[in-house]
Protein backbone atom coordinates (compact mmCIF):
# COMPACT_ATOMS: atom_id res chain seq x y z
CA MET A 1 30.87 -12.99 7.75
CA THR A 2 32.99 -10.58 5.72
CA GLU A 3 31.96 -7.03 4.99
CA LYS A 4 31.91 -5.90 1.40
CA LYS A 5 33.30 -2.46 0.70
CA LYS A 6 31.04 -0.13 -1.22
CA VAL A 7 32.49 0.71 -4.62
CA ILE A 8 32.72 4.43 -5.26
CA ARG A 9 32.60 5.22 -8.95
CA GLU A 10 34.17 8.60 -9.59
CA LYS A 11 34.78 8.46 -13.34
CA SER A 12 32.17 8.76 -16.04
CA ILE A 13 32.06 7.98 -19.73
CA LYS A 14 29.92 10.02 -22.07
CA ILE A 15 28.89 8.54 -25.39
CA ARG A 16 26.59 9.89 -28.04
CA VAL A 17 23.95 7.67 -29.56
CA THR A 18 21.00 8.18 -31.82
CA GLU A 19 17.46 7.79 -30.56
CA VAL A 20 17.29 4.41 -32.34
CA GLU A 21 20.55 3.25 -30.74
CA LEU A 22 19.39 4.35 -27.29
CA GLN A 23 16.14 2.46 -27.71
CA ALA A 24 18.06 -0.63 -28.89
CA LEU A 25 20.22 -0.48 -25.75
CA LYS A 26 17.16 -0.10 -23.52
CA ASP A 27 15.47 -3.02 -25.28
CA ARG A 28 18.48 -5.25 -24.67
CA CYS A 29 18.88 -4.13 -21.08
CA ASP A 30 17.15 -6.60 -18.78
CA GLY A 31 17.02 -4.21 -15.82
CA ALA A 32 15.77 -0.74 -15.09
CA GLU A 33 19.13 1.03 -15.54
CA LEU A 34 21.57 0.98 -18.41
CA ALA A 35 24.77 1.63 -16.42
CA PRO A 36 24.77 -1.60 -14.33
CA TRP A 37 23.77 -3.60 -17.42
CA MET A 38 26.58 -2.04 -19.48
CA ARG A 39 29.15 -2.73 -16.73
CA GLU A 40 28.00 -6.35 -16.56
CA THR A 41 27.96 -6.78 -20.34
CA CYS A 42 31.19 -4.95 -21.18
CA LEU A 43 33.30 -5.78 -18.12
CA GLY A 44 31.83 -9.14 -17.15
CA GLU A 45 31.00 -7.66 -13.76
CA ARG A 46 28.27 -9.56 -11.95
CA THR A 47 25.85 -7.34 -10.09
CA LEU A 48 23.15 -8.23 -7.65
CA LYS A 49 19.82 -8.58 -9.36
CA ARG A 50 17.21 -6.18 -8.09
CA ALA A 51 13.58 -7.05 -8.13
CA ASN A 52 11.90 -5.53 -11.15
CA VAL A 53 9.28 -2.98 -10.24
CA PRO A 54 6.02 -3.92 -11.94
CA LYS A 55 4.58 -1.43 -14.40
CA VAL A 56 1.30 -0.05 -13.12
CA ASP A 57 -1.29 2.07 -14.88
CA PRO A 58 -0.79 5.72 -13.79
CA ALA A 59 -4.56 6.16 -13.47
CA LEU A 60 -4.64 3.29 -10.96
CA LEU A 61 -1.81 4.87 -8.97
CA ARG A 62 -3.69 8.19 -8.85
CA GLN A 63 -6.85 6.48 -7.63
CA LEU A 64 -5.01 4.50 -4.96
CA SER A 65 -3.10 7.60 -3.90
CA GLY A 66 -6.38 9.45 -3.47
CA LEU A 67 -7.77 6.62 -1.36
CA GLY A 68 -4.61 6.63 0.75
CA ASN A 69 -4.90 10.38 1.30
CA ASN A 70 -8.53 10.00 2.36
CA LEU A 71 -7.60 7.22 4.77
CA ASN A 72 -4.82 9.37 6.27
CA GLN A 73 -7.28 12.24 6.78
CA ILE A 74 -9.69 9.88 8.53
CA ALA A 75 -6.90 8.56 10.75
CA ARG A 76 -5.86 12.12 11.63
CA VAL A 77 -9.42 13.01 12.65
CA VAL A 78 -9.80 9.83 14.69
CA ASN A 79 -6.52 10.44 16.51
CA THR A 80 -7.21 14.10 17.34
CA GLN A 81 -10.88 14.14 18.30
CA ASN A 82 -12.87 12.77 21.18
CA TYR A 83 -14.81 9.63 20.41
CA ASP A 84 -18.52 10.28 20.58
CA VAL A 85 -21.25 8.41 18.73
CA VAL A 86 -21.56 11.04 15.98
CA ASN A 87 -17.81 10.99 15.23
CA VAL A 88 -17.71 7.21 15.17
CA ILE A 89 -20.66 7.06 12.77
CA GLN A 90 -19.08 9.65 10.47
CA VAL A 91 -15.77 7.77 10.44
CA LEU A 92 -17.53 4.47 9.72
CA ALA A 93 -19.46 6.11 6.86
CA GLN A 94 -16.24 7.47 5.37
CA LEU A 95 -14.50 4.09 5.73
CA SER A 96 -17.48 2.40 4.08
CA ALA A 97 -17.27 4.87 1.17
CA LEU A 98 -13.55 4.13 0.79
CA GLU A 99 -14.27 0.40 0.78
CA ARG A 100 -16.81 0.87 -2.01
CA GLN A 101 -14.34 2.97 -4.03
CA LEU A 102 -11.64 0.35 -3.61
CA GLY A 103 -14.09 -2.34 -4.72
CA GLN A 104 -14.90 -0.33 -7.85
CA ILE A 105 -11.20 0.14 -8.64
CA MET A 106 -10.52 -3.56 -8.16
CA ALA A 107 -13.44 -4.47 -10.42
CA GLU A 108 -12.29 -1.98 -13.06
CA TYR A 109 -8.79 -3.52 -13.12
CA GLY A 110 -9.96 -7.11 -12.82
CA VAL A 111 -8.41 -7.70 -9.40
CA SER A 112 -10.03 -10.39 -7.30
CA THR A 113 -9.76 -10.81 -3.53
């Protein structure tokens, strides 16, 4: 197997475009970044295709982030405290609440299990 050398791009080109022209370029660009697309289009340079990151509703990301933070806090408590019946019941109650919240979010966004 041969190793590919990483290309170091040291030179830059600055062009001025109008807002309409910039939007037209972005609309034509099939990837997330203009520079690789422009190199491919103008120079015929083939680049590796990256997986497109799906667009997600920012409100959904905030809700999931909040759930993740709550889960991390629960994990921290579980890992630092002694396990007695009261602690286990409290952790289970918190996990049950998180499960309900996740179910509500999934229902709101039409996600099925």
